[in-house]
Amino acid sequence: MVINVSLEPSGPSSRKIRKIFEEKIDKEGINWKSVSGETKDFYYEEFMKQCIWDETGGKKPDFVSEDSWENWKQKWNTPKLQKVCDQNSKNRKSKATIGGSTPSTHTGGTATHYEHGKRLARKLGRPPTAPKLFVHTNTKNGDGKTFINEKSKDVNDAIQAKREQLTQNNETIDENNMFLDVVGGQQKGRVYGLGSQATQYYNFGSTSSSTSAFDVSQQNTAYVK
């Protein structure tokens, strides 16, 4: 909630924002103006997954002048902006088909994909593959069975079908590359279902996988538990 130009509760809000910033550092971002639009979009989407923006129920915040508030309301009510708002609302519901660019939701609560990856690595005794991390963060309590929405289940079904096809053809299964293929590759600098951890599995600037903070590079050809 915004109170007197500050986010409240300030402590938890600032800690969440700091974690989000630390997950994706813009190499050109020497100041906020220099941060790319793509990176700012990532920050905002991650923030909205973890926090609720209180729109005050239509009540003017104390720090906004009457003139500004009336001007904002007029613009909010224009058909053009209403159309944009409606479209953004639809996009946030994650109902796109496999390979779409709609941001995914996950059951991780306030924990980031990175934190879940570390926990899962400790549990498994090895770094998780991309499909393993996806299933863990897209099923209730990480049970691997109860998917949070239809799209997540469709992605998992497609992964299983692809794995079965490769097995029948006696082909080597690279779990991470298989996942990337199933979800449609990179979309606007992101990979569906992996959050900030996409850059730990894939280096889109070269032909090789990047080294993960939990040593993902050592398990490209994965074993499935």
C-alpha atoms as a PDB file:
ATOM      1  CA  MET A   1       0.000   0.000   0.000  1.00  0.00           C
ATOM      2  CA  VAL A   2       1.216   3.547  -0.744  1.00  0.00           C
ATOM      3  CA  ILE A   3       1.005   5.808   2.304  1.00  0.00           C
ATOM      4  CA  ASN A   4       2.511   9.310   2.149  1.00  0.00           C
ATOM      5  CA  VAL A   5       4.550   8.351  -0.915  1.00  0.00           C
ATOM      6  CA  SER A   6       5.968   5.256   0.844  1.00  0.00           C
ATOM      7  CA  LEU A   7       5.277   1.551   0.408  1.00  0.00           C
ATOM      8  CA  GLU A   8       3.836  -0.006   3.549  1.00  0.00           C
ATOM      9  CA  PRO A   9       4.734  -2.172   5.318  1.00  0.00           C
ATOM     10  CA  SER A  10       8.086  -0.672   4.352  1.00  0.00           C
ATOM     11  CA  GLY A  11      10.378  -3.410   5.712  1.00  0.00           C
ATOM     12  CA  PRO A  12       8.867  -6.434   3.911  1.00  0.00           C
ATOM     13  CA  SER A  13       8.241  -4.348   0.786  1.00  0.00           C
ATOM     14  CA  SER A  14      11.828  -3.133   0.532  1.00  0.00           C
ATOM     15  CA  ARG A  15      13.227  -6.624   1.175  1.00  0.00           C
ATOM     16  CA  LYS A  16      11.079  -8.108  -1.597  1.00  0.00           C
ATOM     17  CA  ILE A  17      12.076  -5.356  -4.016  1.00  0.00           C
ATOM     18  CA  ARG A  18      15.766  -5.808  -3.195  1.00  0.00           C
ATOM     19  CA  LYS A  19      15.549  -9.564  -3.835  1.00  0.00           C
ATOM     20  CA  ILE A  20      13.887  -8.929  -7.180  1.00  0.00           C
ATOM     21  CA  PHE A  21      16.596  -6.436  -8.179  1.00  0.00           C
ATOM     22  CA  GLU A  22      19.328  -8.886  -7.168  1.00  0.00           C
ATOM     23  CA  GLU A  23      17.827 -11.639  -9.333  1.00  0.00           C
ATOM     24  CA  LYS A  24      18.402  -9.773 -12.576  1.00  0.00           C
ATOM     25  CA  ILE A  25      21.139  -7.159 -12.850  1.00  0.00           C
ATOM     26  CA  ASP A  26      21.149  -4.999 -15.974  1.00  0.00           C
ATOM     27  CA  LYS A  27      24.753  -4.657 -17.149  1.00  0.00           C
ATOM     28  CA  GLU A  28      23.950  -1.237 -18.609  1.00  0.00           C
ATOM     29  CA  GLY A  29      22.004  -0.109 -15.550  1.00  0.00           C
ATOM     30  CA  ILE A  30      24.371   2.412 -13.982  1.00  0.00           C
ATOM     31  CA  ASN A  31      21.225   4.360 -13.033  1.00  0.00           C
ATOM     32  CA  TRP A  32      17.464   3.801 -13.310  1.00  0.00           C
ATOM     33  CA  LYS A  33      17.235   5.663 -16.627  1.00  0.00           C
ATOM     34  CA  SER A  34      19.803   3.275 -18.121  1.00  0.00           C
ATOM     35  CA  VAL A  35      17.948   0.105 -17.070  1.00  0.00           C
ATOM     36  CA  SER A  36      16.335  -1.529 -20.111  1.00  0.00           C
ATOM     37  CA  GLY A  37      12.574  -1.660 -20.524  1.00  0.00           C
ATOM     38  CA  GLU A  38      12.776  -5.460 -20.592  1.00  0.00           C
ATOM     39  CA  THR A  39      14.469  -5.520 -17.173  1.00  0.00           C
ATOM     40  CA  LYS A  40      11.986  -3.020 -15.731  1.00  0.00           C
ATOM     41  CA  ASP A  41       9.125  -5.199 -16.997  1.00  0.00           C
ATOM     42  CA  PHE A  42      10.705  -8.182 -15.239  1.00  0.00           C
ATOM     43  CA  TYR A  43      10.997  -6.228 -11.964  1.00  0.00           C
ATOM     44  CA  TYR A  44       7.351  -5.158 -12.152  1.00  0.00           C
ATOM     45  CA  GLU A  45       6.015  -8.625 -12.983  1.00  0.00           C
ATOM     46  CA  GLU A  46       7.980 -10.230 -10.143  1.00  0.00           C
ATOM     47  CA  PHE A  47       6.781  -7.488  -7.775  1.00  0.00           C
ATOM     48  CA  MET A  48       3.147  -8.074  -8.729  1.00  0.00           C
ATOM     49  CA  LYS A  49       3.525 -11.813  -8.075  1.00  0.00           C
ATOM     50  CA  GLN A  50       4.501 -11.127  -4.475  1.00  0.00           C
ATOM     51  CA  CYS A  51       2.669  -7.917  -3.541  1.00  0.00           C
ATOM     52  CA  ILE A  52      -0.807  -6.465  -3.857  1.00  0.00           C
ATOM     53  CA  TRP A  53      -1.123  -2.955  -5.195  1.00  0.00           C
ATOM     54  CA  ASP A  54      -3.895  -1.311  -3.185  1.00  0.00           C
ATOM     55  CA  GLU A  55      -5.817   0.927  -5.556  1.00  0.00           C
ATOM     56  CA  THR A  56      -7.605   2.552  -2.542  1.00  0.00           C
ATOM     57  CA  GLY A  57     -11.013   1.534  -3.852  1.00  0.00           C
ATOM     58  CA  GLY A  58     -11.304   4.739  -5.890  1.00  0.00           C
ATOM     59  CA  LYS A  59     -10.445   7.003  -2.941  1.00  0.00           C
ATOM     60  CA  LYS A  60      -7.902   9.763  -3.541  1.00  0.00           C
ATOM     61  CA  PRO A  61      -4.639   9.256  -1.624  1.00  0.00           C
ATOM     62  CA  ASP A  62      -3.773  12.185   0.665  1.00  0.00           C
ATOM     63  CA  PHE A  63      -0.585  13.026  -1.194  1.00  0.00           C
ATOM     64  CA  VAL A  64      -2.350  13.503  -4.575  1.00  0.00           C
ATOM     65  CA  SER A  65      -3.799  16.936  -5.339  1.00  0.00           C
ATOM     66  CA  GLU A  66      -7.442  17.334  -6.355  1.00  0.00           C
ATOM     67  CA  ASP A  67      -6.470  18.591  -9.812  1.00  0.00           C
ATOM     68  CA  SER A  68      -4.170  15.633 -10.450  1.00  0.00           C
ATOM     69  CA  TRP A  69      -6.741  13.165  -9.161  1.00  0.00           C
ATOM     70  CA  GLU A  70      -9.517  14.522 -11.399  1.00  0.00           C
ATOM     71  CA  ASN A  71      -7.180  14.476 -14.381  1.00  0.00           C
ATOM     72  CA  TRP A  72      -6.193  10.859 -13.679  1.00  0.00           C
ATOM     73  CA  LYS A  73      -9.811   9.760 -13.333  1.00  0.00           C
ATOM     74  CA  GLN A  74     -10.706  11.279 -16.683  1.00  0.00           C
ATOM     75  CA  LYS A  75      -7.861   9.418 -18.359  1.00  0.00           C
ATOM     76  CA  TRP A  76      -8.640   6.142 -16.546  1.00  0.00           C
ATOM     77  CA  ASN A  77     -12.198   6.255 -17.862  1.00  0.00           C
ATOM     78  CA  THR A  78     -11.320   6.741 -21.527  1.00  0.00           C
ATOM     79  CA  PRO A  79     -12.278   3.782 -23.774  1.00  0.00           C
ATOM     80  CA  LYS A  80      -8.681   3.472 -24.996  1.00  0.00           C
ATOM     81  CA  LEU A  81      -7.214   3.049 -21.505  1.00  0.00           C
ATOM     82  CA  GLN A  82     -10.056   0.780 -20.399  1.00  0.00           C
ATOM     83  CA  LYS A  83      -9.272  -1.467 -23.355  1.00  0.00           C
ATOM     84  CA  VAL A  84      -5.598  -1.601 -22.340  1.00  0.00           C
ATOM     85  CA  CYS A  85      -6.517  -2.410 -18.721  1.00  0.00           C
ATOM     86  CA  ASP A  86      -8.872  -5.189 -19.803  1.00  0.00           C
ATOM     87  CA  GLN A  87      -6.200  -6.694 -22.027  1.00  0.00           C
ATOM     88  CA  ASN A  88      -3.586  -6.542 -19.280  1.00  0.00           C
ATOM     89  CA  SER A  89      -5.999  -8.264 -16.920  1.00  0.00           C
ATOM     90  CA  LYS A  90      -6.503 -11.080 -19.418  1.00  0.00           C
ATOM     91  CA  ASN A  91      -2.760 -11.432 -19.943  1.00  0.00           C
ATOM     92  CA  ARG A  92      -2.126 -11.816 -16.221  1.00  0.00           C
ATOM     93  CA  LYS A  93      -4.425 -14.830 -16.008  1.00  0.00           C
ATOM     94  CA  SER A  94      -1.832 -17.016 -17.749  1.00  0.00           C
ATOM     95  CA  LYS A  95      -4.276 -18.666 -20.129  1.00  0.00           C
ATOM     96  CA  ALA A  96      -2.001 -18.489 -23.164  1.00  0.00           C
ATOM     97  CA  THR A  97      -1.187 -21.652 -25.095  1.00  0.00           C
ATOM     98  CA  ILE A  98       2.102 -23.491 -24.659  1.00  0.00           C
ATOM     99  CA  GLY A  99       4.903 -21.354 -25.981  1.00  0.00           C
ATOM    100  CA  GLY A 100       3.011 -18.094 -25.424  1.00  0.00           C
ATOM    101  CA  SER A 101       4.721 -15.142 -23.815  1.00  0.00           C
ATOM    102  CA  THR A 102       2.263 -14.709 -20.955  1.00  0.00           C
ATOM    103  CA  PRO A 103       4.066 -14.576 -17.591  1.00  0.00           C
ATOM    104  CA  SER A 104       3.429 -17.654 -15.474  1.00  0.00           C
ATOM    105  CA  THR A 105       2.215 -17.761 -11.930  1.00  0.00           C
ATOM    106  CA  HIS A 106       3.691 -20.107  -9.370  1.00  0.00           C
ATOM    107  CA  THR A 107       3.010 -21.456  -5.893  1.00  0.00           C
ATOM    108  CA  GLY A 108       6.265 -20.270  -4.385  1.00  0.00           C
ATOM    109  CA  GLY A 109       4.733 -17.534  -2.241  1.00  0.00           C
ATOM    110  CA  THR A 110       7.321 -14.874  -1.446  1.00  0.00           C
ATOM    111  CA  ALA A 111      10.227 -17.242  -2.206  1.00  0.00           C
ATOM    112  CA  THR A 112      11.888 -16.648  -5.566  1.00  0.00           C
ATOM    113  CA  HIS A 113      12.620 -19.315  -8.186  1.00  0.00           C
ATOM    114  CA  TYR A 114      16.262 -19.055  -7.150  1.00  0.00           C
ATOM    115  CA  GLU A 115      15.444 -19.857  -3.523  1.00  0.00           C
ATOM    116  CA  HIS A 116      13.226 -22.754  -4.557  1.00  0.00           C
ATOM    117  CA  GLY A 117      16.012 -24.037  -6.781  1.00  0.00           C
ATOM    118  CA  LYS A 118      18.444 -24.088  -3.875  1.00  0.00           C
ATOM    119  CA  ARG A 119      15.960 -25.855  -1.602  1.00  0.00           C
ATOM    120  CA  LEU A 120      15.171 -28.419  -4.255  1.00  0.00           C
ATOM    121  CA  ALA A 121      18.879 -29.033  -4.866  1.00  0.00           C
ATOM    122  CA  ARG A 122      19.356 -29.796  -1.173  1.00  0.00           C
ATOM    123  CA  LYS A 123      16.348 -32.113  -1.180  1.00  0.00           C
ATOM    124  CA  LEU A 124      17.406 -34.034  -4.301  1.00  0.00           C
ATOM    125  CA  GLY A 125      21.095 -34.011  -3.533  1.00  0.00           C
ATOM    126  CA  ARG A 126      21.767 -32.545  -6.966  1.00  0.00           C
ATOM    127  CA  PRO A 127      20.821 -29.424  -8.967  1.00  0.00           C
ATOM    128  CA  PRO A 128      17.253 -29.593 -10.307  1.00  0.00           C
ATOM    129  CA  THR A 129      16.635 -29.721 -14.034  1.00  0.00           C
ATOM    130  CA  ALA A 130      14.438 -27.067 -15.629  1.00  0.00           C
ATOM    131  CA  PRO A 131      11.413 -29.437 -15.815  1.00  0.00           C
ATOM    132  CA  LYS A 132      11.932 -30.441 -12.184  1.00  0.00           C
ATOM    133  CA  LEU A 133      11.997 -26.817 -11.004  1.00  0.00           C
ATOM    134  CA  PHE A 134       8.958 -26.022 -13.140  1.00  0.00           C
ATOM    135  CA  VAL A 135       6.888 -28.854 -11.657  1.00  0.00           C
ATOM    136  CA  HIS A 136       7.991 -27.966  -8.131  1.00  0.00           C
ATOM    137  CA  THR A 137       6.934 -24.324  -8.427  1.00  0.00           C
ATOM    138  CA  ASN A 138       3.753 -24.979 -10.413  1.00  0.00           C
ATOM    139  CA  THR A 139       2.096 -27.604  -8.215  1.00  0.00           C
ATOM    140  CA  LYS A 140       0.505 -27.071  -4.825  1.00  0.00           C
ATOM    141  CA  ASN A 141       3.078 -27.492  -2.087  1.00  0.00           C
ATOM    142  CA  GLY A 142       5.437 -28.852  -4.747  1.00  0.00           C
ATOM    143  CA  ASP A 143       3.602 -32.199  -4.736  1.00  0.00           C
ATOM    144  CA  GLY A 144       4.323 -32.759  -8.438  1.00  0.00           C
ATOM    145  CA  LYS A 145       0.684 -33.630  -9.153  1.00  0.00           C
ATOM    146  CA  THR A 146      -1.750 -30.806  -8.375  1.00  0.00           C
ATOM    147  CA  PHE A 147      -1.023 -28.160 -10.992  1.00  0.00           C
ATOM    148  CA  ILE A 148      -2.058 -24.584 -10.277  1.00  0.00           C
ATOM    149  CA  ASN A 149      -3.687 -23.991 -13.662  1.00  0.00           C
ATOM    150  CA  GLU A 150      -4.484 -25.661 -16.961  1.00  0.00           C
ATOM    151  CA  LYS A 151      -1.522 -24.200 -18.795  1.00  0.00           C
ATOM    152  CA  SER A 152       0.987 -25.577 -16.281  1.00  0.00           C
ATOM    153  CA  LYS A 153      -0.564 -29.028 -16.603  1.00  0.00           C
ATOM    154  CA  ASP A 154      -0.501 -28.803 -20.410  1.00  0.00           C
ATOM    155  CA  VAL A 155       3.195 -27.902 -20.328  1.00  0.00           C
ATOM    156  CA  ASN A 156       3.967 -30.858 -18.061  1.00  0.00           C
ATOM    157  CA  ASP A 157       1.967 -33.228 -20.287  1.00  0.00           C
ATOM    158  CA  ALA A 158       3.879 -31.962 -23.322  1.00  0.00           C
ATOM    159  CA  ILE A 159       7.201 -32.507 -21.517  1.00  0.00           C
ATOM    160  CA  GLN A 160       6.267 -36.087 -20.666  1.00  0.00           C
ATOM    161  CA  ALA A 161       5.153 -36.746 -24.236  1.00  0.00           C
ATOM    162  CA  LYS A 162       8.390 -35.303 -25.612  1.00  0.00           C
ATOM    163  CA  ARG A 163      10.469 -37.359 -23.179  1.00  0.00           C
ATOM    164  CA  GLU A 164       8.631 -40.524 -24.174  1.00  0.00           C
ATOM    165  CA  GLN A 165       9.155 -39.759 -27.859  1.00  0.00           C
ATOM    166  CA  LEU A 166      12.903 -39.253 -27.390  1.00  0.00           C
ATOM    167  CA  THR A 167      13.149 -42.443 -25.344  1.00  0.00           C
ATOM    168  CA  GLN A 168      11.385 -44.468 -28.008  1.00  0.00           C
ATOM    169  CA  ASN A 169      13.771 -43.080 -30.620  1.00  0.00           C
ATOM    170  CA  ASN A 170      16.758 -43.989 -28.426  1.00  0.00           C
ATOM    171  CA  GLU A 171      17.849 -40.359 -28.395  1.00  0.00           C
ATOM    172  CA  THR A 172      19.849 -38.759 -25.586  1.00  0.00           C
ATOM    173  CA  ILE A 173      17.574 -36.642 -23.440  1.00  0.00           C
ATOM    174  CA  ASP A 174      18.833 -33.188 -22.499  1.00  0.00           C
ATOM    175  CA  GLU A 175      16.197 -32.200 -19.944  1.00  0.00           C
ATOM    176  CA  ASN A 176      16.905 -28.473 -20.037  1.00  0.00           C
ATOM    177  CA  ASN A 177      16.939 -28.162 -23.827  1.00  0.00           C
ATOM    178  CA  MET A 178      13.835 -30.341 -24.033  1.00  0.00           C
ATOM    179  CA  PHE A 179      12.025 -27.980 -21.658  1.00  0.00           C
ATOM    180  CA  LEU A 180      13.097 -24.949 -23.687  1.00  0.00           C
ATOM    181  CA  ASP A 181      11.788 -26.584 -26.856  1.00  0.00           C
ATOM    182  CA  VAL A 182       8.430 -27.506 -25.310  1.00  0.00           C
ATOM    183  CA  VAL A 183       7.653 -24.037 -23.918  1.00  0.00           C
ATOM    184  CA  GLY A 184       8.554 -22.323 -27.174  1.00  0.00           C
ATOM    185  CA  GLY A 185      12.039 -21.073 -26.407  1.00  0.00           C
ATOM    186  CA  GLN A 186      12.878 -17.573 -25.300  1.00  0.00           C
ATOM    187  CA  GLN A 187      10.014 -15.085 -25.273  1.00  0.00           C
ATOM    188  CA  LYS A 188      10.977 -11.434 -24.745  1.00  0.00           C
ATOM    189  CA  GLY A 189      14.119 -12.448 -22.894  1.00  0.00           C
ATOM    190  CA  ARG A 190      12.322 -14.941 -20.635  1.00  0.00           C
ATOM    191  CA  VAL A 191      11.506 -18.625 -20.541  1.00  0.00           C
ATOM    192  CA  TYR A 192       8.010 -19.574 -19.417  1.00  0.00           C
ATOM    193  CA  GLY A 193       7.842 -21.104 -15.950  1.00  0.00           C
ATOM    194  CA  LEU A 194      11.419 -20.451 -14.797  1.00  0.00           C
ATOM    195  CA  GLY A 195      11.258 -16.856 -13.609  1.00  0.00           C
ATOM    196  CA  SER A 196      14.658 -15.338 -12.975  1.00  0.00           C
ATOM    197  CA  GLN A 197      16.286 -18.784 -13.109  1.00  0.00           C
ATOM    198  CA  ALA A 198      16.084 -18.935 -16.903  1.00  0.00           C
ATOM    199  CA  THR A 199      19.473 -17.231 -17.132  1.00  0.00           C
ATOM    200  CA  GLN A 200      20.943 -19.926 -14.878  1.00  0.00           C
ATOM    201  CA  TYR A 201      19.915 -22.656 -17.302  1.00  0.00           C
ATOM    202  CA  TYR A 202      20.389 -20.905 -20.632  1.00  0.00           C
ATOM    203  CA  ASN A 203      22.872 -18.441 -22.070  1.00  0.00           C
ATOM    204  CA  PHE A 204      21.127 -16.937 -25.059  1.00  0.00           C
ATOM    205  CA  GLY A 205      24.248 -15.061 -26.021  1.00  0.00           C
ATOM    206  CA  SER A 206      26.131 -18.246 -26.923  1.00  0.00           C
ATOM    207  CA  THR A 207      25.531 -21.867 -27.892  1.00  0.00           C
ATOM    208  CA  SER A 208      26.355 -23.285 -24.471  1.00  0.00           C
ATOM    209  CA  SER A 209      24.426 -23.348 -21.209  1.00  0.00           C
ATOM    210  CA  SER A 210      25.479 -20.932 -18.517  1.00  0.00           C
ATOM    211  CA  THR A 211      26.836 -21.923 -15.122  1.00  0.00           C
ATOM    212  CA  SER A 212      24.126 -21.850 -12.500  1.00  0.00           C
ATOM    213  CA  ALA A 213      24.401 -20.655  -8.949  1.00  0.00           C
ATOM    214  CA  PHE A 214      23.535 -24.231  -8.007  1.00  0.00           C
ATOM    215  CA  ASP A 215      25.715 -25.877 -10.685  1.00  0.00           C
ATOM    216  CA  VAL A 216      23.022 -26.552 -13.244  1.00  0.00           C
ATOM    217  CA  SER A 217      25.673 -26.773 -15.965  1.00  0.00           C
ATOM    218  CA  GLN A 218      26.837 -30.094 -14.569  1.00  0.00           C
ATOM    219  CA  GLN A 219      23.533 -31.847 -15.258  1.00  0.00           C
ATOM    220  CA  ASN A 220      22.404 -30.882 -18.762  1.00  0.00           C
ATOM    221  CA  THR A 221      21.764 -34.526 -19.616  1.00  0.00           C
ATOM    222  CA  ALA A 222      19.505 -35.244 -16.723  1.00  0.00           C
ATOM    223  CA  TYR A 223      18.242 -38.214 -14.847  1.00  0.00           C
ATOM    224  CA  VAL A 224      14.597 -38.070 -13.862  1.00  0.00           C
ATOM    225  CA  LYS A 225      13.479 -38.980 -10.400  1.00  0.00           C
END
